[in-house]
């Protein structure tokens, strides 16, 4: 590992602290090094607040050292005025002579302009250190800006014989997740801006789709209900958290609940993706059911899939969605249960 790689890796570690609150901005970390010693570090903690480079510079106790230091940052410094001033301008004003960048910013208003501004000011800029890892860190931001849709994660738990539930018209769902894995599901909810279920899942499971077993914000709740047939007594409509109903004929709903019209005679998933993109929703967690998850898979609208493989056998029931052939899973053991993870 080179010296530059060592400090960019530290940037990546720092950046992950912004997982919950940085969105829709990307997670970014920065460190400032003087004579092979870190004298300042920071990360982008919350959208609308100071960027990683600003926080790193602020953390340096002796600013005179900045003119002899190297600034490492996982993502290209911004060069435009948004909610905060350009980081490139601050770096130039502090006289930092060298900057090492993990990857170029895919956002159209930056995309190389920050690096060029630094170089025009005479700063030595190195680009592409641990680039793949830095791009992986901001994969949601990249997908949102390049594919014009949210980053999509699918998840479900299935029995050893490949079912996600019994066939039922009422009653409670089969519990396939362990308590620890249920907490992990809530962690995933906290890490996504929105969560989507279909009408049958909303009706039969009556989920709250909130974060109760983990720290973080509740995601925006989304449900598809073409004819507005879901009863208002469901948890989704309790007014505790914003909920959007995708329907054919919108009408006024209760507190914190709104309707968005879709044309159900054409592809509704692409319409949903477009509406979420226009509302700056960068990440989406799809919690089912089986039909909805399979429709996302069949449409090629997924970026990651998590499957919890329970040891119980149901014998019959609702078949689990099928991951397309050709994708290799990574496996981990979580609370004694195998979890497979697919990445496109």
C-alpha atoms as a PDB file:
ATOM      1  CA  UNK A   1       0.000   0.000   0.000  1.00  0.00           C
ATOM      2  CA  UNK A   2       1.381   3.395  -0.996  1.00  0.00           C
ATOM      3  CA  UNK A   3       1.311   6.455   1.235  1.00  0.00           C
ATOM      4  CA  UNK A   4      -1.410   8.049  -0.903  1.00  0.00           C
ATOM      5  CA  UNK A   5      -3.517   4.887  -0.716  1.00  0.00           C
ATOM      6  CA  UNK A   6      -3.157   4.765   3.063  1.00  0.00           C
ATOM      7  CA  UNK A   7      -4.590   8.245   3.513  1.00  0.00           C
ATOM      8  CA  UNK A   8      -7.319   7.879   0.884  1.00  0.00           C
ATOM      9  CA  UNK A   9      -8.407   4.722   2.709  1.00  0.00           C
ATOM     10  CA  UNK A  10      -8.738   6.820   5.839  1.00  0.00           C
ATOM     11  CA  UNK A  11     -10.867   9.263   3.833  1.00  0.00           C
ATOM     12  CA  UNK A  12     -13.178   6.390   2.878  1.00  0.00           C
ATOM     13  CA  UNK A  13     -13.478   5.343   6.524  1.00  0.00           C
ATOM     14  CA  UNK A  14     -14.388   8.866   7.576  1.00  0.00           C
ATOM     15  CA  UNK A  15     -16.877   9.322   4.749  1.00  0.00           C
ATOM     16  CA  UNK A  16     -18.982   6.383   5.925  1.00  0.00           C
ATOM     17  CA  UNK A  17     -19.946   8.374   9.012  1.00  0.00           C
ATOM     18  CA  UNK A  18     -22.215  10.364   6.715  1.00  0.00           C
ATOM     19  CA  UNK A  19     -24.275   7.351   5.606  1.00  0.00           C
ATOM     20  CA  UNK A  20     -27.443   8.424   7.436  1.00  0.00           C
ATOM     21  CA  UNK A  21     -27.522  12.192   6.953  1.00  0.00           C
ATOM     22  CA  UNK A  22     -25.345  13.168   3.967  1.00  0.00           C
ATOM     23  CA  UNK A  23     -27.894  12.182   1.288  1.00  0.00           C
ATOM     24  CA  UNK A  24     -28.761  13.357  -1.251  1.00  0.00           C
ATOM     25  CA  UNK A  25     -25.165  14.606  -1.221  1.00  0.00           C
ATOM     26  CA  UNK A  26     -22.420  11.986  -1.570  1.00  0.00           C
ATOM     27  CA  UNK A  27     -20.458  10.658   1.383  1.00  0.00           C
ATOM     28  CA  UNK A  28     -17.012  12.283   1.395  1.00  0.00           C
ATOM     29  CA  UNK A  29     -14.040  12.114   3.747  1.00  0.00           C
ATOM     30  CA  UNK A  30     -10.883  14.252   3.874  1.00  0.00           C
ATOM     31  CA  UNK A  31      -7.597  14.232   5.778  1.00  0.00           C
ATOM     32  CA  UNK A  32      -4.729  16.722   5.905  1.00  0.00           C
ATOM     33  CA  UNK A  33      -1.216  15.332   6.280  1.00  0.00           C
ATOM     34  CA  UNK A  34       1.958  17.155   7.317  1.00  0.00           C
ATOM     35  CA  UNK A  35       5.229  15.207   7.330  1.00  0.00           C
ATOM     36  CA  UNK A  36       3.386  11.872   7.235  1.00  0.00           C
ATOM     37  CA  UNK A  37       1.184  12.789  10.194  1.00  0.00           C
ATOM     38  CA  UNK A  38      -2.540  13.535  10.084  1.00  0.00           C
ATOM     39  CA  UNK A  39      -3.093  17.037  11.431  1.00  0.00           C
ATOM     40  CA  UNK A  40      -6.734  17.387  10.391  1.00  0.00           C
ATOM     41  CA  UNK A  41      -9.637  15.300   9.194  1.00  0.00           C
ATOM     42  CA  UNK A  42     -13.327  15.622   8.502  1.00  0.00           C
ATOM     43  CA  UNK A  43     -16.308  14.244   6.640  1.00  0.00           C
ATOM     44  CA  UNK A  44     -19.554  15.552   5.178  1.00  0.00           C
ATOM     45  CA  UNK A  45     -21.960  14.977   8.044  1.00  0.00           C
ATOM     46  CA  UNK A  46     -25.226  16.413   6.772  1.00  0.00           C
ATOM     47  CA  UNK A  47     -26.676  17.782   3.531  1.00  0.00           C
ATOM     48  CA  UNK A  48     -26.535  21.581   3.540  1.00  0.00           C
ATOM     49  CA  UNK A  49     -23.704  21.721   6.057  1.00  0.00           C
ATOM     50  CA  UNK A  50     -19.927  21.981   5.643  1.00  0.00           C
ATOM     51  CA  UNK A  51     -18.218  19.620   3.217  1.00  0.00           C
ATOM     52  CA  UNK A  52     -15.458  17.209   4.211  1.00  0.00           C
ATOM     53  CA  UNK A  53     -12.606  19.496   3.091  1.00  0.00           C
ATOM     54  CA  UNK A  54     -13.995  22.408   5.120  1.00  0.00           C
ATOM     55  CA  UNK A  55     -14.304  20.304   8.264  1.00  0.00           C
ATOM     56  CA  UNK A  56     -10.802  18.901   7.792  1.00  0.00           C
ATOM     57  CA  UNK A  57      -9.288  22.381   7.404  1.00  0.00           C
ATOM     58  CA  UNK A  58     -11.230  23.674  10.427  1.00  0.00           C
ATOM     59  CA  UNK A  59      -9.848  20.835  12.543  1.00  0.00           C
ATOM     60  CA  UNK A  60      -6.213  21.875  11.988  1.00  0.00           C
ATOM     61  CA  UNK A  61      -4.937  23.661  15.105  1.00  0.00           C
ATOM     62  CA  UNK A  62      -2.015  25.396  13.374  1.00  0.00           C
ATOM     63  CA  UNK A  63      -3.186  26.754  10.009  1.00  0.00           C
ATOM     64  CA  UNK A  64       0.363  27.782   9.083  1.00  0.00           C
ATOM     65  CA  UNK A  65       1.079  24.099   8.438  1.00  0.00           C
ATOM     66  CA  UNK A  66      -1.486  24.012   5.628  1.00  0.00           C
ATOM     67  CA  UNK A  67       0.959  25.615   3.202  1.00  0.00           C
ATOM     68  CA  UNK A  68       3.282  22.624   3.684  1.00  0.00           C
ATOM     69  CA  UNK A  69       0.643  19.872   3.782  1.00  0.00           C
ATOM     70  CA  UNK A  70      -1.221  17.507   1.475  1.00  0.00           C
ATOM     71  CA  UNK A  71      -5.005  17.332   1.457  1.00  0.00           C
ATOM     72  CA  UNK A  72      -6.488  13.930   0.695  1.00  0.00           C
ATOM     73  CA  UNK A  73     -10.150  13.695  -0.278  1.00  0.00           C
ATOM     74  CA  UNK A  74     -12.220  10.751  -1.513  1.00  0.00           C
ATOM     75  CA  UNK A  75     -14.175  12.859  -4.046  1.00  0.00           C
ATOM     76  CA  UNK A  76     -13.185  15.784  -6.239  1.00  0.00           C
ATOM     77  CA  UNK A  77     -13.631  19.124  -4.420  1.00  0.00           C
ATOM     78  CA  UNK A  78     -16.658  21.078  -5.608  1.00  0.00           C
ATOM     79  CA  UNK A  79     -16.138  24.164  -7.751  1.00  0.00           C
ATOM     80  CA  UNK A  80     -19.651  25.651  -7.750  1.00  0.00           C
ATOM     81  CA  UNK A  81     -21.873  27.556  -5.351  1.00  0.00           C
ATOM     82  CA  UNK A  82     -24.594  25.319  -3.946  1.00  0.00           C
ATOM     83  CA  UNK A  83     -25.771  25.418  -0.347  1.00  0.00           C
ATOM     84  CA  UNK A  84     -22.131  26.054   0.583  1.00  0.00           C
ATOM     85  CA  UNK A  85     -19.257  27.907  -1.171  1.00  0.00           C
ATOM     86  CA  UNK A  86     -16.837  26.019  -3.467  1.00  0.00           C
ATOM     87  CA  UNK A  87     -14.344  23.849  -1.591  1.00  0.00           C
ATOM     88  CA  UNK A  88     -11.805  24.363  -4.377  1.00  0.00           C
ATOM     89  CA  UNK A  89     -11.740  28.091  -3.603  1.00  0.00           C
ATOM     90  CA  UNK A  90     -11.108  27.418   0.095  1.00  0.00           C
ATOM     91  CA  UNK A  91      -8.245  25.033  -0.677  1.00  0.00           C
ATOM     92  CA  UNK A  92      -6.645  27.626  -2.952  1.00  0.00           C
ATOM     93  CA  UNK A  93      -7.084  30.404  -0.394  1.00  0.00           C
ATOM     94  CA  UNK A  94      -5.354  28.343   2.313  1.00  0.00           C
ATOM     95  CA  UNK A  95      -2.310  27.764   0.108  1.00  0.00           C
ATOM     96  CA  UNK A  96      -2.400  23.971   0.280  1.00  0.00           C
ATOM     97  CA  UNK A  97       0.240  22.885  -2.273  1.00  0.00           C
ATOM     98  CA  UNK A  98      -0.878  19.326  -3.021  1.00  0.00           C
ATOM     99  CA  UNK A  99      -4.255  17.581  -3.262  1.00  0.00           C
ATOM    100  CA  UNK A 100      -4.873  13.860  -3.759  1.00  0.00           C
ATOM    101  CA  UNK A 101      -8.330  12.923  -5.064  1.00  0.00           C
ATOM    102  CA  UNK A 102      -9.925   9.481  -4.970  1.00  0.00           C
ATOM    103  CA  UNK A 103     -12.327   9.931  -7.876  1.00  0.00           C
ATOM    104  CA  UNK A 104     -13.842  12.569 -10.136  1.00  0.00           C
ATOM    105  CA  UNK A 105     -17.291  13.893  -9.223  1.00  0.00           C
ATOM    106  CA  UNK A 106     -19.944  12.636 -11.705  1.00  0.00           C
ATOM    107  CA  UNK A 107     -22.222  15.591 -10.896  1.00  0.00           C
ATOM    108  CA  UNK A 108     -22.496  17.707 -14.046  1.00  0.00           C
ATOM    109  CA  UNK A 109     -21.755  20.988 -12.250  1.00  0.00           C
ATOM    110  CA  UNK A 110     -18.404  19.632 -11.035  1.00  0.00           C
ATOM    111  CA  UNK A 111     -17.114  16.685 -13.155  1.00  0.00           C
ATOM    112  CA  UNK A 112     -13.461  17.705 -13.449  1.00  0.00           C
ATOM    113  CA  UNK A 113     -13.949  21.440 -12.981  1.00  0.00           C
ATOM    114  CA  UNK A 114     -12.791  21.353  -9.356  1.00  0.00           C
ATOM    115  CA  UNK A 115      -9.578  19.563 -10.293  1.00  0.00           C
ATOM    116  CA  UNK A 116      -8.925  21.972 -13.145  1.00  0.00           C
ATOM    117  CA  UNK A 117      -9.499  24.978 -10.904  1.00  0.00           C
ATOM    118  CA  UNK A 118      -6.932  23.642  -8.425  1.00  0.00           C
ATOM    119  CA  UNK A 119      -4.396  22.970 -11.177  1.00  0.00           C
ATOM    120  CA  UNK A 120      -4.943  26.415 -12.688  1.00  0.00           C
ATOM    121  CA  UNK A 121      -4.007  27.820  -9.278  1.00  0.00           C
ATOM    122  CA  UNK A 122      -0.701  25.936  -9.386  1.00  0.00           C
ATOM    123  CA  UNK A 123      -1.685  23.141  -7.013  1.00  0.00           C
ATOM    124  CA  UNK A 124      -0.213  19.676  -7.624  1.00  0.00           C
ATOM    125  CA  UNK A 125      -3.253  17.373  -8.030  1.00  0.00           C
ATOM    126  CA  UNK A 126      -3.144  13.568  -8.133  1.00  0.00           C
ATOM    127  CA  UNK A 127      -6.363  11.847  -9.254  1.00  0.00           C
ATOM    128  CA  UNK A 128      -7.564   8.231  -9.161  1.00  0.00           C
ATOM    129  CA  UNK A 129      -6.063   6.839  -5.950  1.00  0.00           C
ATOM    130  CA  UNK A 130      -8.220   3.859  -4.879  1.00  0.00           C
ATOM    131  CA  UNK A 131     -10.658   5.077  -7.513  1.00  0.00           C
ATOM    132  CA  UNK A 132     -12.801   1.916  -7.606  1.00  0.00           C
ATOM    133  CA  UNK A 133     -13.276   1.963  -3.836  1.00  0.00           C
ATOM    134  CA  UNK A 134     -14.083   5.664  -3.835  1.00  0.00           C
ATOM    135  CA  UNK A 135     -16.648   5.199  -6.598  1.00  0.00           C
ATOM    136  CA  UNK A 136     -18.134   2.267  -4.698  1.00  0.00           C
ATOM    137  CA  UNK A 137     -18.514   4.557  -1.688  1.00  0.00           C
ATOM    138  CA  UNK A 138     -20.685   6.978  -3.682  1.00  0.00           C
ATOM    139  CA  UNK A 139     -22.438   4.391  -5.870  1.00  0.00           C
ATOM    140  CA  UNK A 140     -25.869   5.791  -4.981  1.00  0.00           C
ATOM    141  CA  UNK A 141     -24.838   9.295  -5.964  1.00  0.00           C
ATOM    142  CA  UNK A 142     -23.319   8.014  -9.217  1.00  0.00           C
ATOM    143  CA  UNK A 143     -26.402   5.976 -10.143  1.00  0.00           C
ATOM    144  CA  UNK A 144     -28.699   8.893  -9.402  1.00  0.00           C
ATOM    145  CA  UNK A 145     -26.696  11.319 -11.545  1.00  0.00           C
ATOM    146  CA  UNK A 146     -25.900   8.999 -14.445  1.00  0.00           C
ATOM    147  CA  UNK A 147     -29.005   6.800 -14.711  1.00  0.00           C
ATOM    148  CA  UNK A 148     -31.495   9.435 -13.523  1.00  0.00           C
ATOM    149  CA  UNK A 149     -33.125   7.135 -10.982  1.00  0.00           C
ATOM    150  CA  UNK A 150     -32.632   6.115  -7.351  1.00  0.00           C
ATOM    151  CA  UNK A 151     -30.163   3.441  -6.347  1.00  0.00           C
ATOM    152  CA  UNK A 152     -32.373   0.383  -5.792  1.00  0.00           C
ATOM    153  CA  UNK A 153     -31.911  -2.286  -3.132  1.00  0.00           C
ATOM    154  CA  UNK A 154     -34.166  -5.344  -2.956  1.00  0.00           C
ATOM    155  CA  UNK A 155     -34.385  -7.522   0.145  1.00  0.00           C
ATOM    156  CA  UNK A 156     -36.356 -10.470   1.382  1.00  0.00           C
ATOM    157  CA  UNK A 157     -36.135 -13.472   3.690  1.00  0.00           C
ATOM    158  CA  UNK A 158     -36.972 -16.918   2.348  1.00  0.00           C
ATOM    159  CA  UNK A 159     -37.370 -20.400   3.761  1.00  0.00           C
ATOM    160  CA  UNK A 160     -34.952 -23.242   3.073  1.00  0.00           C
ATOM    161  CA  UNK A 161     -37.325 -24.489   0.372  1.00  0.00           C
ATOM    162  CA  UNK A 162     -37.652 -21.102  -1.347  1.00  0.00           C
ATOM    163  CA  UNK A 163     -40.849 -19.495  -0.011  1.00  0.00           C
ATOM    164  CA  UNK A 164     -41.255 -16.058   1.556  1.00  0.00           C
ATOM    165  CA  UNK A 165     -44.642 -16.657   3.205  1.00  0.00           C
ATOM    166  CA  UNK A 166     -47.615 -18.974   3.334  1.00  0.00           C
ATOM    167  CA  UNK A 167     -50.495 -18.412   0.935  1.00  0.00           C
ATOM    168  CA  UNK A 168     -53.033 -16.437   2.942  1.00  0.00           C
ATOM    169  CA  UNK A 169     -55.730 -13.798   2.746  1.00  0.00           C
ATOM    170  CA  UNK A 170     -55.402 -12.663   6.366  1.00  0.00           C
ATOM    171  CA  UNK A 171     -53.460 -13.402   9.515  1.00  0.00           C
ATOM    172  CA  UNK A 172     -49.864 -12.637  10.374  1.00  0.00           C
ATOM    173  CA  UNK A 173     -46.902 -13.253   8.053  1.00  0.00           C
ATOM    174  CA  UNK A 174     -44.453 -16.058   8.721  1.00  0.00           C
ATOM    175  CA  UNK A 175     -41.473 -14.710  10.672  1.00  0.00           C
ATOM    176  CA  UNK A 176     -38.341 -15.883   8.891  1.00  0.00           C
ATOM    177  CA  UNK A 177     -35.875 -13.278  10.206  1.00  0.00           C
ATOM    178  CA  UNK A 178     -34.028 -13.604  13.497  1.00  0.00           C
ATOM    179  CA  UNK A 179     -34.194 -10.642  15.934  1.00  0.00           C
ATOM    180  CA  UNK A 180     -30.666  -9.573  14.969  1.00  0.00           C
ATOM    181  CA  UNK A 181     -31.442  -9.732  11.271  1.00  0.00           C
ATOM    182  CA  UNK A 182     -34.648  -7.788  11.879  1.00  0.00           C
ATOM    183  CA  UNK A 183     -32.516  -5.050  13.446  1.00  0.00           C
ATOM    184  CA  UNK A 184     -30.317  -5.149  10.336  1.00  0.00           C
ATOM    185  CA  UNK A 185     -33.425  -4.592   8.188  1.00  0.00           C
ATOM    186  CA  UNK A 186     -34.121  -1.446  10.196  1.00  0.00           C
ATOM    187  CA  UNK A 187     -30.512  -0.392   9.644  1.00  0.00           C
ATOM    188  CA  UNK A 188     -31.117  -0.744   5.897  1.00  0.00           C
ATOM    189  CA  UNK A 189     -34.271   1.342   6.196  1.00  0.00           C
ATOM    190  CA  UNK A 190     -32.320   4.092   7.949  1.00  0.00           C
ATOM    191  CA  UNK A 191     -29.769   4.053   5.127  1.00  0.00           C
ATOM    192  CA  UNK A 192     -32.360   4.588   2.374  1.00  0.00           C
ATOM    193  CA  UNK A 193     -34.383   7.692   1.620  1.00  0.00           C
ATOM    194  CA  UNK A 194     -37.518   5.803   0.569  1.00  0.00           C
ATOM    195  CA  UNK A 195     -39.089   2.370   1.004  1.00  0.00           C
ATOM    196  CA  UNK A 196     -41.655   0.729  -1.297  1.00  0.00           C
ATOM    197  CA  UNK A 197     -44.197  -2.064  -0.889  1.00  0.00           C
ATOM    198  CA  UNK A 198     -47.055  -3.357  -2.985  1.00  0.00           C
ATOM    199  CA  UNK A 199     -50.745  -3.331  -2.112  1.00  0.00           C
ATOM    200  CA  UNK A 200     -50.953  -6.937  -0.860  1.00  0.00           C
ATOM    201  CA  UNK A 201     -47.953  -6.535   1.415  1.00  0.00           C
ATOM    202  CA  UNK A 202     -49.470  -3.369   2.865  1.00  0.00           C
ATOM    203  CA  UNK A 203     -52.841  -5.072   3.353  1.00  0.00           C
ATOM    204  CA  UNK A 204     -51.755  -8.480   4.681  1.00  0.00           C
ATOM    205  CA  UNK A 205     -48.649  -7.524   6.690  1.00  0.00           C
ATOM    206  CA  UNK A 206     -49.750  -4.023   7.785  1.00  0.00           C
ATOM    207  CA  UNK A 207     -46.121  -2.856   8.105  1.00  0.00           C
ATOM    208  CA  UNK A 208     -45.103   0.455   9.646  1.00  0.00           C
ATOM    209  CA  UNK A 209     -41.980   0.703   7.424  1.00  0.00           C
ATOM    210  CA  UNK A 210     -40.255   2.826  10.063  1.00  0.00           C
ATOM    211  CA  UNK A 211     -36.911   2.651  11.855  1.00  0.00           C
ATOM    212  CA  UNK A 212     -37.554   1.330  15.353  1.00  0.00           C
ATOM    213  CA  UNK A 213     -34.698  -1.093  16.043  1.00  0.00           C
ATOM    214  CA  UNK A 214     -31.864   1.105  14.781  1.00  0.00           C
ATOM    215  CA  UNK A 215     -30.725   4.723  14.909  1.00  0.00           C
ATOM    216  CA  UNK A 216     -31.697   6.960  12.006  1.00  0.00           C
ATOM    217  CA  UNK A 217     -34.444   8.735  10.125  1.00  0.00           C
ATOM    218  CA  UNK A 218     -37.581   7.024   8.902  1.00  0.00           C
ATOM    219  CA  UNK A 219     -37.613   6.639   5.116  1.00  0.00           C
ATOM    220  CA  UNK A 220     -40.345   8.105   2.950  1.00  0.00           C
ATOM    221  CA  UNK A 221     -43.026   5.395   2.748  1.00  0.00           C
ATOM    222  CA  UNK A 222     -44.302   4.423  -0.696  1.00  0.00           C
ATOM    223  CA  UNK A 223     -47.116   2.053  -1.606  1.00  0.00           C
ATOM    224  CA  UNK A 224     -48.758   1.101  -4.910  1.00  0.00           C
ATOM    225  CA  UNK A 225     -52.559   1.051  -4.694  1.00  0.00           C
ATOM    226  CA  UNK A 226     -54.157   1.456  -8.103  1.00  0.00           C
ATOM    227  CA  UNK A 227     -57.772   1.770  -6.924  1.00  0.00           C
ATOM    228  CA  UNK A 228     -57.166   3.227  -3.444  1.00  0.00           C
ATOM    229  CA  UNK A 229     -58.621   0.078  -1.915  1.00  0.00           C
ATOM    230  CA  UNK A 230     -56.365  -0.075   1.141  1.00  0.00           C
ATOM    231  CA  UNK A 231     -58.174   0.652   4.438  1.00  0.00           C
ATOM    232  CA  UNK A 232     -57.231   3.929   6.179  1.00  0.00           C
ATOM    233  CA  UNK A 233     -56.622   2.024   9.426  1.00  0.00           C
ATOM    234  CA  UNK A 234     -53.288   0.640   8.179  1.00  0.00           C
ATOM    235  CA  UNK A 235     -50.066   1.753   9.866  1.00  0.00           C
ATOM    236  CA  UNK A 236     -48.952   3.329   6.588  1.00  0.00           C
ATOM    237  CA  UNK A 237     -51.722   5.892   6.967  1.00  0.00           C
ATOM    238  CA  UNK A 238     -51.232   6.697  10.663  1.00  0.00           C
ATOM    239  CA  UNK A 239     -49.786  10.126   9.841  1.00  0.00           C
ATOM    240  CA  UNK A 240     -46.586   9.498  11.809  1.00  0.00           C
ATOM    241  CA  UNK A 241     -44.386   9.641   8.740  1.00  0.00           C
ATOM    242  CA  UNK A 242     -44.814  10.962   5.189  1.00  0.00           C
ATOM    243  CA  UNK A 243     -46.411   8.398   2.870  1.00  0.00           C
ATOM    244  CA  UNK A 244     -47.017   8.519  -0.876  1.00  0.00           C
ATOM    245  CA  UNK A 245     -49.645   6.355  -2.563  1.00  0.00           C
ATOM    246  CA  UNK A 246     -49.134   5.642  -6.255  1.00  0.00           C
ATOM    247  CA  UNK A 247     -52.605   5.337  -7.722  1.00  0.00           C
ATOM    248  CA  UNK A 248     -54.711   5.802 -10.839  1.00  0.00           C
ATOM    249  CA  UNK A 249     -57.198   8.337  -9.476  1.00  0.00           C
ATOM    250  CA  UNK A 250     -55.669  10.530  -6.736  1.00  0.00           C
ATOM    251  CA  UNK A 251     -57.857  12.000  -4.034  1.00  0.00           C
ATOM    252  CA  UNK A 252     -57.244  13.835  -0.751  1.00  0.00           C
ATOM    253  CA  UNK A 253     -55.916  11.517   1.962  1.00  0.00           C
ATOM    254  CA  UNK A 254     -55.225  11.900   5.666  1.00  0.00           C
ATOM    255  CA  UNK A 255     -52.439  13.665   7.520  1.00  0.00           C
ATOM    256  CA  UNK A 256     -48.966  13.179   5.991  1.00  0.00           C
ATOM    257  CA  UNK A 257     -50.402  11.049   3.163  1.00  0.00           C
ATOM    258  CA  UNK A 258     -50.475  12.152  -0.461  1.00  0.00           C
ATOM    259  CA  UNK A 259     -51.364  10.562  -3.796  1.00  0.00           C
ATOM    260  CA  UNK A 260     -49.348  10.543  -6.994  1.00  0.00           C
ATOM    261  CA  UNK A 261     -51.045   9.610 -10.270  1.00  0.00           C
ATOM    262  CA  UNK A 262     -49.651   6.873 -12.522  1.00  0.00           C
ATOM    263  CA  UNK A 263     -50.777   5.587 -15.891  1.00  0.00           C
ATOM    264  CA  UNK A 264     -51.405   1.922 -15.101  1.00  0.00           C
ATOM    265  CA  UNK A 265     -51.829   1.135 -18.795  1.00  0.00           C
ATOM    266  CA  UNK A 266     -48.085   1.601 -19.278  1.00  0.00           C
ATOM    267  CA  UNK A 267     -44.922   0.720 -17.349  1.00  0.00           C
ATOM    268  CA  UNK A 268     -45.507   1.988 -13.815  1.00  0.00           C
ATOM    269  CA  UNK A 269     -42.007   1.248 -12.509  1.00  0.00           C
ATOM    270  CA  UNK A 270     -40.357   3.643 -14.934  1.00  0.00           C
ATOM    271  CA  UNK A 271     -42.940   6.267 -13.955  1.00  0.00           C
ATOM    272  CA  UNK A 272     -42.184   5.749 -10.272  1.00  0.00           C
ATOM    273  CA  UNK A 273     -38.439   6.010 -10.919  1.00  0.00           C
ATOM    274  CA  UNK A 274     -38.941   9.257 -12.807  1.00  0.00           C
ATOM    275  CA  UNK A 275     -41.084  10.778 -10.061  1.00  0.00           C
ATOM    276  CA  UNK A 276     -38.586   9.785  -7.365  1.00  0.00           C
ATOM    277  CA  UNK A 277     -35.703  11.211  -9.403  1.00  0.00           C
ATOM    278  CA  UNK A 278     -37.552  14.496  -9.846  1.00  0.00           C
ATOM    279  CA  UNK A 279     -38.096  14.618  -6.084  1.00  0.00           C
ATOM    280  CA  UNK A 280     -34.388  14.061  -5.401  1.00  0.00           C
ATOM    281  CA  UNK A 281     -34.867  10.603  -3.863  1.00  0.00           C
ATOM    282  CA  UNK A 282     -31.466   9.019  -4.308  1.00  0.00           C
ATOM    283  CA  UNK A 283     -31.980   5.580  -2.734  1.00  0.00           C
ATOM    284  CA  UNK A 284     -34.917   3.161  -2.635  1.00  0.00           C
ATOM    285  CA  UNK A 285     -35.408   0.005  -0.568  1.00  0.00           C
ATOM    286  CA  UNK A 286     -37.982  -2.419  -1.989  1.00  0.00           C
ATOM    287  CA  UNK A 287     -39.419  -4.686   0.708  1.00  0.00           C
ATOM    288  CA  UNK A 288     -41.875  -6.614  -1.414  1.00  0.00           C
ATOM    289  CA  UNK A 289     -43.825  -8.605  -1.793  1.00  0.00           C
ATOM    290  CA  UNK A 290     -42.649 -11.276  -4.174  1.00  0.00           C
ATOM    291  CA  UNK A 291     -44.510  -9.984  -7.226  1.00  0.00           C
ATOM    292  CA  UNK A 292     -43.245  -6.428  -6.837  1.00  0.00           C
ATOM    293  CA  UNK A 293     -39.655  -7.509  -6.217  1.00  0.00           C
ATOM    294  CA  UNK A 294     -39.758  -9.831  -9.226  1.00  0.00           C
ATOM    295  CA  UNK A 295     -41.082  -7.025 -11.415  1.00  0.00           C
ATOM    296  CA  UNK A 296     -38.074  -4.887 -10.462  1.00  0.00           C
ATOM    297  CA  UNK A 297     -35.726  -7.780 -11.258  1.00  0.00           C
ATOM    298  CA  UNK A 298     -37.409  -8.500 -14.595  1.00  0.00           C
ATOM    299  CA  UNK A 299     -37.184  -4.816 -15.538  1.00  0.00           C
ATOM    300  CA  UNK A 300     -33.485  -4.691 -14.664  1.00  0.00           C
ATOM    301  CA  UNK A 301     -34.241  -2.080 -12.021  1.00  0.00           C
ATOM    302  CA  UNK A 302     -31.981  -3.173  -9.191  1.00  0.00           C
ATOM    303  CA  UNK A 303     -28.480  -2.495  -7.952  1.00  0.00           C
ATOM    304  CA  UNK A 304     -28.199  -4.752  -4.902  1.00  0.00           C
ATOM    305  CA  UNK A 305     -30.174  -7.714  -3.587  1.00  0.00           C
ATOM    306  CA  UNK A 306     -30.013  -9.135  -0.057  1.00  0.00           C
ATOM    307  CA  UNK A 307     -31.577 -12.538   0.653  1.00  0.00           C
ATOM    308  CA  UNK A 308     -31.794 -13.977   4.147  1.00  0.00           C
ATOM    309  CA  UNK A 309     -31.875 -17.784   3.919  1.00  0.00           C
ATOM    310  CA  UNK A 310     -33.842 -19.078   6.910  1.00  0.00           C
ATOM    311  CA  UNK A 311     -33.417 -22.669   8.049  1.00  0.00           C
ATOM    312  CA  UNK A 312     -37.150 -23.314   8.437  1.00  0.00           C
ATOM    313  CA  UNK A 313     -39.128 -25.222   5.808  1.00  0.00           C
ATOM    314  CA  UNK A 314     -42.625 -24.087   4.769  1.00  0.00           C
ATOM    315  CA  UNK A 315     -43.483 -26.856   2.314  1.00  0.00           C
ATOM    316  CA  UNK A 316     -45.666 -24.562   0.228  1.00  0.00           C
ATOM    317  CA  UNK A 317     -46.462 -20.874  -0.073  1.00  0.00           C
ATOM    318  CA  UNK A 318     -45.478 -17.754  -1.948  1.00  0.00           C
ATOM    319  CA  UNK A 319     -42.402 -18.459  -4.027  1.00  0.00           C
ATOM    320  CA  UNK A 320     -39.434 -16.187  -3.500  1.00  0.00           C
ATOM    321  CA  UNK A 321     -38.292 -13.945  -6.363  1.00  0.00           C
ATOM    322  CA  UNK A 322     -35.643 -15.364  -8.663  1.00  0.00           C
ATOM    323  CA  UNK A 323     -32.298 -13.651  -9.189  1.00  0.00           C
ATOM    324  CA  UNK A 324     -31.259 -13.768 -12.863  1.00  0.00           C
ATOM    325  CA  UNK A 325     -28.601 -16.277 -13.856  1.00  0.00           C
ATOM    326  CA  UNK A 326     -25.091 -14.971 -14.270  1.00  0.00           C
ATOM    327  CA  UNK A 327     -24.862 -12.953 -11.061  1.00  0.00           C
ATOM    328  CA  UNK A 328     -22.490 -14.232  -8.414  1.00  0.00           C
ATOM    329  CA  UNK A 329     -23.431 -13.783  -4.780  1.00  0.00           C
ATOM    330  CA  UNK A 330     -21.247 -12.971  -1.820  1.00  0.00           C
ATOM    331  CA  UNK A 331     -22.241 -14.770   1.368  1.00  0.00           C
ATOM    332  CA  UNK A 332     -22.041 -13.845   5.014  1.00  0.00           C
ATOM    333  CA  UNK A 333     -23.194 -15.557   8.186  1.00  0.00           C
ATOM    334  CA  UNK A 334     -25.351 -13.228  10.255  1.00  0.00           C
ATOM    335  CA  UNK A 335     -26.797 -14.441  13.556  1.00  0.00           C
ATOM    336  CA  UNK A 336     -26.332 -18.026  12.396  1.00  0.00           C
ATOM    337  CA  UNK A 337     -28.210 -17.388   9.141  1.00  0.00           C
ATOM    338  CA  UNK A 338     -26.701 -17.242   5.652  1.00  0.00           C
ATOM    339  CA  UNK A 339     -27.302 -13.971   3.804  1.00  0.00           C
ATOM    340  CA  UNK A 340     -26.547 -13.760   0.091  1.00  0.00           C
ATOM    341  CA  UNK A 341     -25.691 -10.409  -1.452  1.00  0.00           C
ATOM    342  CA  UNK A 342     -25.837  -9.681  -5.175  1.00  0.00           C
ATOM    343  CA  UNK A 343     -24.420  -6.561  -6.821  1.00  0.00           C
ATOM    344  CA  UNK A 344     -25.008  -5.618 -10.450  1.00  0.00           C
END
